[in-house]
Amino acid sequence: MSNIIIGALSAIPVTLLAWLAYNWAGKPILDVRSKRLDALKVAELYGFKGYGFGEDETNRAREVLSEAAISLRALNRGQPWTARLYCRLLRYELESAASVLYGLVGLVGAALHPENSSRRDAVDAVHLLLNASQHLSAERIREIREKLATPLALPRA
């Protein structure tokens, strides 16, 4: 009987430690992962909404892109050190990705020109900044990095 009581009492600190680990370290990291995935989806889905779309669809694209940018920027500025370390280890640049998403908001509704590659560059930059660039060639990654280093080469906030 006493072994059962001792076992039950020893489960309390273990449960408390598990709860602390999840809420202190795990949850912020899960938030970063979720918002990163949302930003990648939104960039791909709404990054190419141009001239010819209805006003409702254009406004929706601007709204969703803005929300994704706000989420990334808020995470970057208010996350605990565990999530910052996670982002640094996985090379996520949340602030820069948010800035490029804001730039995409400005391009929504504008006419698409075949020679204008700003939208593709911006979407590829978001993928690169959030370390989801496996689908890009090494040459394309180098090109996007050069554009990111040059002010005004990519649409940004």
N, C-alpha and C. Protein backbone atom coordinates (compact mmCIF):
# COMPACT_ATOMS: atom_id res chain seq x y z
N MET A 1 0.82 -1.19 0.00
CA MET A 1 0.00 0.00 0.00
C MET A 1 0.86 1.25 0.00
N SER A 2 1.94 1.25 0.81
CA SER A 2 2.80 2.43 0.89
C SER A 2 3.55 2.66 -0.43
N ASN A 3 3.85 1.58 -1.17
CA ASN A 3 4.51 1.72 -2.47
C ASN A 3 3.61 2.45 -3.46
N ILE A 4 2.33 2.19 -3.38
CA ILE A 4 1.37 2.86 -4.27
C ILE A 4 1.32 4.35 -3.94
N ILE A 5 1.30 4.68 -2.68
CA ILE A 5 1.25 6.08 -2.25
C ILE A 5 2.53 6.80 -2.66
N ILE A 6 3.67 6.17 -2.45
CA ILE A 6 4.96 6.76 -2.83
C ILE A 6 5.02 6.96 -4.34
N GLY A 7 4.55 5.98 -5.11
CA GLY A 7 4.53 6.10 -6.57
C GLY A 7 3.63 7.23 -7.03
N ALA A 8 2.48 7.36 -6.40
CA ALA A 8 1.54 8.42 -6.77
C ALA A 8 2.11 9.79 -6.41
N LEU A 9 2.74 9.89 -5.26
CA LEU A 9 3.32 11.17 -4.85
C LEU A 9 4.53 11.56 -5.71
N SER A 10 5.30 10.57 -6.16
CA SER A 10 6.45 10.88 -7.02
C SER A 10 6.02 11.28 -8.42
N ALA A 11 4.81 10.93 -8.82
CA ALA A 11 4.31 11.33 -10.14
C ALA A 11 3.98 12.81 -10.20
N ILE A 12 3.68 13.41 -9.06
CA ILE A 12 3.31 14.83 -9.03
C ILE A 12 4.47 15.72 -9.50
N PRO A 13 5.69 15.59 -8.96
CA PRO A 13 6.77 16.46 -9.46
C PRO A 13 7.13 16.17 -10.92
N VAL A 14 7.06 14.92 -11.31
CA VAL A 14 7.36 14.58 -12.70
C VAL A 14 6.34 15.23 -13.63
N THR A 15 5.09 15.18 -13.26
CA THR A 15 4.04 15.82 -14.05
C THR A 15 4.25 17.33 -14.10
N LEU A 16 4.60 17.93 -12.99
CA LEU A 16 4.85 19.36 -12.94
C LEU A 16 6.03 19.74 -13.83
N LEU A 17 7.09 18.97 -13.77
CA LEU A 17 8.26 19.23 -14.63
C LEU A 17 7.92 19.09 -16.10
N ALA A 18 7.14 18.09 -16.45
CA ALA A 18 6.73 17.90 -17.85
C ALA A 18 5.87 19.08 -18.32
N TRP A 19 4.96 19.52 -17.47
CA TRP A 19 4.11 20.66 -17.81
C TRP A 19 4.95 21.92 -18.01
N LEU A 20 5.92 22.16 -17.13
CA LEU A 20 6.80 23.32 -17.26
C LEU A 20 7.64 23.25 -18.54
N ALA A 21 8.19 22.09 -18.84
CA ALA A 21 9.00 21.93 -20.04
C ALA A 21 8.17 22.20 -21.29
N TYR A 22 6.98 21.70 -21.32
CA TYR A 22 6.12 21.92 -22.49
C TYR A 22 5.76 23.39 -22.64
N ASN A 23 5.29 24.02 -21.58
CA ASN A 23 4.83 25.40 -21.67
C ASN A 23 5.97 26.41 -21.77
N TRP A 24 7.12 26.11 -21.23
CA TRP A 24 8.23 27.05 -21.24
C TRP A 24 9.07 26.92 -22.51
N ALA A 25 9.31 25.71 -22.97
CA ALA A 25 10.18 25.50 -24.13
C ALA A 25 9.41 24.98 -25.34
N GLY A 26 8.56 24.02 -25.14
CA GLY A 26 7.91 23.36 -26.27
C GLY A 26 6.87 24.20 -26.98
N LYS A 27 6.00 24.85 -26.24
CA LYS A 27 4.91 25.61 -26.85
C LYS A 27 5.42 26.77 -27.71
N PRO A 28 6.39 27.57 -27.25
CA PRO A 28 6.91 28.63 -28.13
C PRO A 28 7.51 28.09 -29.43
N ILE A 29 8.17 26.96 -29.35
CA ILE A 29 8.75 26.36 -30.55
C ILE A 29 7.64 25.87 -31.48
N LEU A 30 6.60 25.28 -30.92
CA LEU A 30 5.47 24.86 -31.74
C LEU A 30 4.78 26.05 -32.39
N ASP A 31 4.71 27.17 -31.69
CA ASP A 31 4.14 28.40 -32.27
C ASP A 31 4.98 28.87 -33.46
N VAL A 32 6.29 28.86 -33.32
CA VAL A 32 7.17 29.27 -34.42
C VAL A 32 6.96 28.35 -35.61
N ARG A 33 6.93 27.07 -35.38
CA ARG A 33 6.75 26.10 -36.47
C ARG A 33 5.42 26.32 -37.18
N SER A 34 4.36 26.56 -36.41
CA SER A 34 3.04 26.77 -36.99
C SER A 34 2.98 28.05 -37.82
N LYS A 35 3.48 29.15 -37.28
CA LYS A 35 3.45 30.43 -38.01
C LYS A 35 4.35 30.39 -39.23
N ARG A 36 5.46 29.69 -39.14
CA ARG A 36 6.36 29.54 -40.29
C ARG A 36 5.64 28.81 -41.42
N LEU A 37 4.99 27.72 -41.09
CA LEU A 37 4.25 26.95 -42.09
C LEU A 37 3.12 27.79 -42.69
N ASP A 38 2.41 28.54 -41.85
CA ASP A 38 1.34 29.41 -42.34
C ASP A 38 1.89 30.45 -43.31
N ALA A 39 3.04 31.06 -42.97
CA ALA A 39 3.63 32.07 -43.84
C ALA A 39 4.05 31.48 -45.18
N LEU A 40 4.59 30.28 -45.18
CA LEU A 40 4.98 29.64 -46.43
C LEU A 40 3.76 29.36 -47.30
N LYS A 41 2.69 28.88 -46.69
CA LYS A 41 1.45 28.60 -47.43
C LYS A 41 0.87 29.87 -48.01
N VAL A 42 0.81 30.91 -47.20
CA VAL A 42 0.21 32.18 -47.62
C VAL A 42 1.02 32.80 -48.75
N ALA A 43 2.33 32.77 -48.66
CA ALA A 43 3.17 33.34 -49.71
C ALA A 43 2.93 32.63 -51.03
N GLU A 44 2.85 31.32 -50.97
CA GLU A 44 2.63 30.55 -52.19
C GLU A 44 1.23 30.74 -52.75
N LEU A 45 0.26 30.79 -51.88
CA LEU A 45 -1.14 30.89 -52.31
C LEU A 45 -1.51 32.28 -52.80
N TYR A 46 -1.06 33.32 -52.10
CA TYR A 46 -1.50 34.68 -52.41
C TYR A 46 -0.41 35.56 -53.01
N GLY A 47 0.79 35.05 -53.18
CA GLY A 47 1.89 35.87 -53.69
C GLY A 47 1.73 36.28 -55.14
N PHE A 48 0.84 35.64 -55.86
CA PHE A 48 0.71 35.92 -57.29
C PHE A 48 -0.64 36.49 -57.67
N LYS A 49 -1.39 36.99 -56.68
CA LYS A 49 -2.69 37.59 -56.98
C LYS A 49 -2.45 38.95 -57.62
N GLY A 50 -2.81 39.05 -58.88
CA GLY A 50 -2.53 40.28 -59.60
C GLY A 50 -3.76 40.91 -60.18
N TYR A 51 -3.54 41.70 -61.17
CA TYR A 51 -4.59 42.42 -61.87
C TYR A 51 -5.58 41.43 -62.46
N GLY A 52 -6.84 41.75 -62.41
CA GLY A 52 -7.86 40.89 -62.99
C GLY A 52 -8.64 40.09 -61.96
N PHE A 53 -8.17 40.06 -60.74
CA PHE A 53 -8.90 39.39 -59.69
C PHE A 53 -9.92 40.36 -59.12
N GLY A 54 -10.98 39.82 -58.58
CA GLY A 54 -12.01 40.67 -58.00
C GLY A 54 -11.50 41.43 -56.79
N GLU A 55 -12.23 42.49 -56.45
CA GLU A 55 -11.83 43.32 -55.31
C GLU A 55 -11.85 42.52 -54.01
N ASP A 56 -12.84 41.65 -53.84
CA ASP A 56 -12.91 40.84 -52.62
C ASP A 56 -11.71 39.91 -52.50
N GLU A 57 -11.35 39.28 -53.60
CA GLU A 57 -10.22 38.35 -53.57
C GLU A 57 -8.90 39.09 -53.36
N THR A 58 -8.78 40.26 -53.96
CA THR A 58 -7.57 41.07 -53.78
C THR A 58 -7.45 41.53 -52.33
N ASN A 59 -8.56 42.00 -51.76
CA ASN A 59 -8.54 42.42 -50.36
C ASN A 59 -8.24 41.26 -49.43
N ARG A 60 -8.78 40.11 -49.73
CA ARG A 60 -8.53 38.91 -48.92
C ARG A 60 -7.04 38.54 -48.97
N ALA A 61 -6.44 38.61 -50.17
CA ALA A 61 -5.02 38.30 -50.31
C ALA A 61 -4.18 39.27 -49.49
N ARG A 62 -4.49 40.56 -49.56
CA ARG A 62 -3.75 41.56 -48.78
C ARG A 62 -3.88 41.30 -47.28
N GLU A 63 -5.10 40.98 -46.87
CA GLU A 63 -5.36 40.74 -45.45
C GLU A 63 -4.59 39.53 -44.93
N VAL A 64 -4.63 38.44 -45.68
CA VAL A 64 -3.98 37.20 -45.23
C VAL A 64 -2.45 37.36 -45.24
N LEU A 65 -1.91 38.01 -46.26
CA LEU A 65 -0.46 38.26 -46.30
C LEU A 65 -0.04 39.14 -45.13
N SER A 66 -0.83 40.17 -44.84
CA SER A 66 -0.52 41.06 -43.72
C SER A 66 -0.56 40.31 -42.39
N GLU A 67 -1.56 39.45 -42.21
CA GLU A 67 -1.66 38.68 -40.97
C GLU A 67 -0.45 37.76 -40.78
N ALA A 68 -0.01 37.14 -41.87
CA ALA A 68 1.16 36.26 -41.78
C ALA A 68 2.41 37.07 -41.42
N ALA A 69 2.55 38.25 -42.02
CA ALA A 69 3.70 39.10 -41.72
C ALA A 69 3.66 39.57 -40.26
N ILE A 70 2.48 39.97 -39.80
CA ILE A 70 2.33 40.42 -38.41
C ILE A 70 2.69 39.29 -37.45
N SER A 71 2.24 38.09 -37.75
CA SER A 71 2.53 36.94 -36.88
C SER A 71 4.03 36.67 -36.80
N LEU A 72 4.71 36.69 -37.94
CA LEU A 72 6.15 36.45 -37.93
C LEU A 72 6.89 37.54 -37.17
N ARG A 73 6.50 38.79 -37.41
CA ARG A 73 7.17 39.90 -36.74
C ARG A 73 6.93 39.85 -35.23
N ALA A 74 5.71 39.55 -34.83
CA ALA A 74 5.41 39.46 -33.40
C ALA A 74 6.19 38.32 -32.75
N LEU A 75 6.27 37.19 -33.43
CA LEU A 75 7.05 36.07 -32.89
C LEU A 75 8.51 36.46 -32.74
N ASN A 76 9.05 37.13 -33.74
CA ASN A 76 10.46 37.50 -33.70
C ASN A 76 10.75 38.45 -32.55
N ARG A 77 9.83 39.33 -32.28
CA ARG A 77 10.07 40.36 -31.26
C ARG A 77 9.68 39.94 -29.86
N GLY A 78 8.84 38.91 -29.73
CA GLY A 78 8.36 38.58 -28.40
C GLY A 78 8.55 37.15 -27.96
N GLN A 79 9.36 36.41 -28.64
CA GLN A 79 9.51 35.00 -28.28
C GLN A 79 10.54 34.81 -27.17
N PRO A 80 10.39 33.77 -26.38
CA PRO A 80 11.37 33.48 -25.32
C PRO A 80 12.68 32.98 -25.93
N TRP A 81 13.69 32.92 -25.10
CA TRP A 81 15.02 32.57 -25.60
C TRP A 81 15.06 31.17 -26.19
N THR A 82 14.21 30.28 -25.72
CA THR A 82 14.22 28.91 -26.28
C THR A 82 13.81 28.93 -27.75
N ALA A 83 12.80 29.71 -28.08
CA ALA A 83 12.36 29.81 -29.47
C ALA A 83 13.38 30.58 -30.31
N ARG A 84 14.02 31.60 -29.73
CA ARG A 84 15.06 32.33 -30.47
C ARG A 84 16.22 31.40 -30.81
N LEU A 85 16.60 30.55 -29.86
CA LEU A 85 17.66 29.59 -30.10
C LEU A 85 17.26 28.61 -31.20
N TYR A 86 16.03 28.15 -31.14
CA TYR A 86 15.51 27.24 -32.16
C TYR A 86 15.59 27.90 -33.55
N CYS A 87 15.16 29.17 -33.65
CA CYS A 87 15.21 29.88 -34.93
C CYS A 87 16.65 30.07 -35.41
N ARG A 88 17.55 30.37 -34.48
CA ARG A 88 18.94 30.55 -34.86
C ARG A 88 19.55 29.24 -35.35
N LEU A 89 19.24 28.13 -34.67
CA LEU A 89 19.79 26.84 -35.08
C LEU A 89 19.29 26.41 -36.45
N LEU A 90 18.02 26.70 -36.73
CA LEU A 90 17.44 26.30 -38.01
C LEU A 90 17.50 27.40 -39.07
N ARG A 91 18.15 28.52 -38.73
CA ARG A 91 18.38 29.64 -39.64
C ARG A 91 17.07 30.23 -40.18
N TYR A 92 16.11 30.44 -39.31
CA TYR A 92 14.87 31.13 -39.68
C TYR A 92 15.08 32.62 -39.45
N GLU A 93 14.83 33.42 -40.45
CA GLU A 93 14.94 34.87 -40.33
C GLU A 93 13.53 35.44 -40.39
N LEU A 94 12.86 35.44 -39.26
CA LEU A 94 11.44 35.80 -39.19
C LEU A 94 11.21 37.27 -39.55
N GLU A 95 12.03 38.16 -39.06
CA GLU A 95 11.84 39.60 -39.32
C GLU A 95 11.98 39.91 -40.81
N SER A 96 12.99 39.37 -41.44
CA SER A 96 13.20 39.61 -42.87
C SER A 96 12.08 38.99 -43.70
N ALA A 97 11.64 37.80 -43.32
CA ALA A 97 10.53 37.16 -44.04
C ALA A 97 9.26 37.99 -43.90
N ALA A 98 9.02 38.54 -42.72
CA ALA A 98 7.85 39.40 -42.52
C ALA A 98 7.94 40.63 -43.41
N SER A 99 9.11 41.21 -43.52
CA SER A 99 9.30 42.39 -44.36
C SER A 99 9.00 42.08 -45.83
N VAL A 100 9.45 40.94 -46.30
CA VAL A 100 9.19 40.55 -47.69
C VAL A 100 7.69 40.27 -47.89
N LEU A 101 7.04 39.66 -46.90
CA LEU A 101 5.59 39.44 -47.00
C LEU A 101 4.84 40.77 -47.08
N TYR A 102 5.27 41.77 -46.30
CA TYR A 102 4.66 43.10 -46.41
C TYR A 102 4.87 43.68 -47.81
N GLY A 103 6.04 43.42 -48.39
CA GLY A 103 6.28 43.87 -49.76
C GLY A 103 5.34 43.20 -50.74
N LEU A 104 5.03 41.94 -50.51
CA LEU A 104 4.08 41.23 -51.37
C LEU A 104 2.68 41.84 -51.27
N VAL A 105 2.33 42.34 -50.08
CA VAL A 105 1.03 42.99 -49.91
C VAL A 105 0.92 44.15 -50.90
N GLY A 106 2.01 44.89 -51.07
CA GLY A 106 2.00 46.01 -52.01
C GLY A 106 1.88 45.60 -53.46
N LEU A 107 2.26 44.38 -53.78
CA LEU A 107 2.18 43.92 -55.17
C LEU A 107 0.84 43.29 -55.51
N VAL A 108 0.05 42.95 -54.50
CA VAL A 108 -1.25 42.32 -54.75
C VAL A 108 -2.14 43.31 -55.50
N GLY A 109 -2.72 42.85 -56.58
CA GLY A 109 -3.60 43.70 -57.37
C GLY A 109 -2.90 44.41 -58.51
N ALA A 110 -1.57 44.46 -58.50
CA ALA A 110 -0.83 45.09 -59.58
C ALA A 110 -0.78 44.16 -60.79
N ALA A 111 -0.69 44.76 -61.96
CA ALA A 111 -0.64 43.97 -63.19
C ALA A 111 0.63 43.12 -63.23
N LEU A 112 0.50 41.91 -63.70
CA LEU A 112 1.65 41.02 -63.87
C LEU A 112 2.26 41.27 -65.24
N HIS A 113 3.55 41.49 -65.26
CA HIS A 113 4.27 41.64 -66.52
C HIS A 113 5.24 40.48 -66.64
N PRO A 114 5.35 39.90 -67.82
CA PRO A 114 6.25 38.75 -67.97
C PRO A 114 7.69 39.05 -67.55
N GLU A 115 8.16 40.28 -67.79
CA GLU A 115 9.54 40.61 -67.46
C GLU A 115 9.71 40.99 -65.98
N ASN A 116 8.60 41.17 -65.27
CA ASN A 116 8.65 41.54 -63.86
C ASN A 116 8.68 40.27 -63.01
N SER A 117 9.80 40.02 -62.38
CA SER A 117 9.95 38.81 -61.58
C SER A 117 9.87 39.09 -60.07
N SER A 118 9.39 40.27 -59.70
CA SER A 118 9.37 40.67 -58.29
C SER A 118 8.59 39.69 -57.43
N ARG A 119 7.46 39.22 -57.93
CA ARG A 119 6.64 38.32 -57.12
C ARG A 119 7.33 36.98 -56.91
N ARG A 120 7.87 36.42 -57.95
CA ARG A 120 8.57 35.13 -57.83
C ARG A 120 9.77 35.31 -56.92
N ASP A 121 10.49 36.42 -57.08
CA ASP A 121 11.64 36.68 -56.21
C ASP A 121 11.22 36.77 -54.75
N ALA A 122 10.11 37.46 -54.49
CA ALA A 122 9.64 37.63 -53.11
C ALA A 122 9.21 36.30 -52.51
N VAL A 123 8.47 35.51 -53.26
CA VAL A 123 8.03 34.21 -52.74
C VAL A 123 9.24 33.30 -52.50
N ASP A 124 10.19 33.30 -53.43
CA ASP A 124 11.40 32.51 -53.23
C ASP A 124 12.21 33.02 -52.03
N ALA A 125 12.22 34.33 -51.82
CA ALA A 125 12.94 34.90 -50.68
C ALA A 125 12.30 34.46 -49.37
N VAL A 126 10.98 34.43 -49.33
CA VAL A 126 10.30 33.95 -48.11
C VAL A 126 10.69 32.51 -47.84
N HIS A 127 10.71 31.68 -48.88
CA HIS A 127 11.14 30.29 -48.70
C HIS A 127 12.57 30.21 -48.19
N LEU A 128 13.45 31.02 -48.75
CA LEU A 128 14.85 31.00 -48.35
C LEU A 128 15.02 31.49 -46.91
N LEU A 129 14.33 32.57 -46.55
CA LEU A 129 14.46 33.14 -45.21
C LEU A 129 13.87 32.24 -44.13
N LEU A 130 12.92 31.40 -44.51
CA LEU A 130 12.32 30.47 -43.55
C LEU A 130 12.88 29.06 -43.71
N ASN A 131 14.02 28.97 -44.38
CA ASN A 131 14.76 27.71 -44.55
C ASN A 131 13.89 26.60 -45.14
N ALA A 132 13.16 26.96 -46.19
CA ALA A 132 12.34 25.99 -46.91
C ALA A 132 12.67 26.08 -48.40
N SER A 133 13.95 26.13 -48.70
CA SER A 133 14.38 26.38 -50.08
C SER A 133 14.93 25.14 -50.77
N GLN A 134 14.55 23.96 -50.31
CA GLN A 134 15.07 22.73 -50.89
C GLN A 134 14.70 22.60 -52.37
N HIS A 135 13.60 23.22 -52.77
CA HIS A 135 13.15 23.12 -54.15
C HIS A 135 13.87 24.09 -55.08
N LEU A 136 14.65 25.01 -54.53
CA LEU A 136 15.37 26.00 -55.33
C LEU A 136 16.76 25.50 -55.69
N SER A 137 17.21 25.87 -56.87
CA SER A 137 18.56 25.48 -57.29
C SER A 137 19.58 26.34 -56.54
N ALA A 138 20.82 25.87 -56.54
CA ALA A 138 21.89 26.62 -55.87
C ALA A 138 22.08 27.98 -56.53
N GLU A 139 21.93 28.03 -57.83
CA GLU A 139 22.07 29.31 -58.54
C GLU A 139 20.95 30.28 -58.14
N ARG A 140 19.73 29.76 -58.03
CA ARG A 140 18.60 30.60 -57.64
C ARG A 140 18.77 31.09 -56.20
N ILE A 141 19.25 30.26 -55.31
CA ILE A 141 19.50 30.66 -53.93
C ILE A 141 20.54 31.77 -53.88
N ARG A 142 21.61 31.62 -54.65
CA ARG A 142 22.65 32.65 -54.71
C ARG A 142 22.06 33.96 -55.23
N GLU A 143 21.24 33.88 -56.26
CA GLU A 143 20.61 35.07 -56.84
C GLU A 143 19.71 35.78 -55.82
N ILE A 144 18.92 35.01 -55.08
CA ILE A 144 18.02 35.59 -54.08
C ILE A 144 18.83 36.19 -52.94
N ARG A 145 19.89 35.53 -52.50
CA ARG A 145 20.75 36.09 -51.44
C ARG A 145 21.35 37.42 -51.86
N GLU A 146 21.77 37.53 -53.11
CA GLU A 146 22.31 38.79 -53.62
C GLU A 146 21.24 39.88 -53.61
N LYS A 147 20.03 39.52 -54.00
CA LYS A 147 18.94 40.49 -54.00
C LYS A 147 18.56 40.90 -52.58
N LEU A 148 18.61 39.97 -51.64
CA LEU A 148 18.33 40.30 -50.24
C LEU A 148 19.38 41.25 -49.68
N ALA A 149 20.61 41.16 -50.15
CA ALA A 149 21.68 42.03 -49.67
C ALA A 149 21.60 43.42 -50.30
N THR A 150 20.85 43.56 -51.39
CA THR A 150 20.74 44.83 -52.09
C THR A 150 19.45 45.52 -51.69
N PRO A 151 19.53 46.72 -51.13
CA PRO A 151 18.30 47.44 -50.80
C PRO A 151 17.46 47.70 -52.05
N LEU A 152 16.18 47.57 -51.93
CA LEU A 152 15.21 47.83 -52.99
C LEU A 152 15.21 46.80 -54.11
N ALA A 153 15.98 45.70 -53.99
CA ALA A 153 15.97 44.68 -55.03
C ALA A 153 14.72 43.80 -54.91
N LEU A 154 14.21 43.67 -53.70
CA LEU A 154 12.99 42.89 -53.45
C LEU A 154 11.97 43.81 -52.80
N PRO A 155 10.68 43.54 -53.05
CA PRO A 155 9.67 44.34 -52.36
C PRO A 155 9.71 44.06 -50.87
N ARG A 156 9.82 45.11 -50.07
CA ARG A 156 9.86 44.97 -48.61
C ARG A 156 9.08 46.09 -47.97
N ALA A 157 8.80 45.88 -46.72
CA ALA A 157 8.08 46.91 -45.94
C ALA A 157 9.01 48.05 -45.62
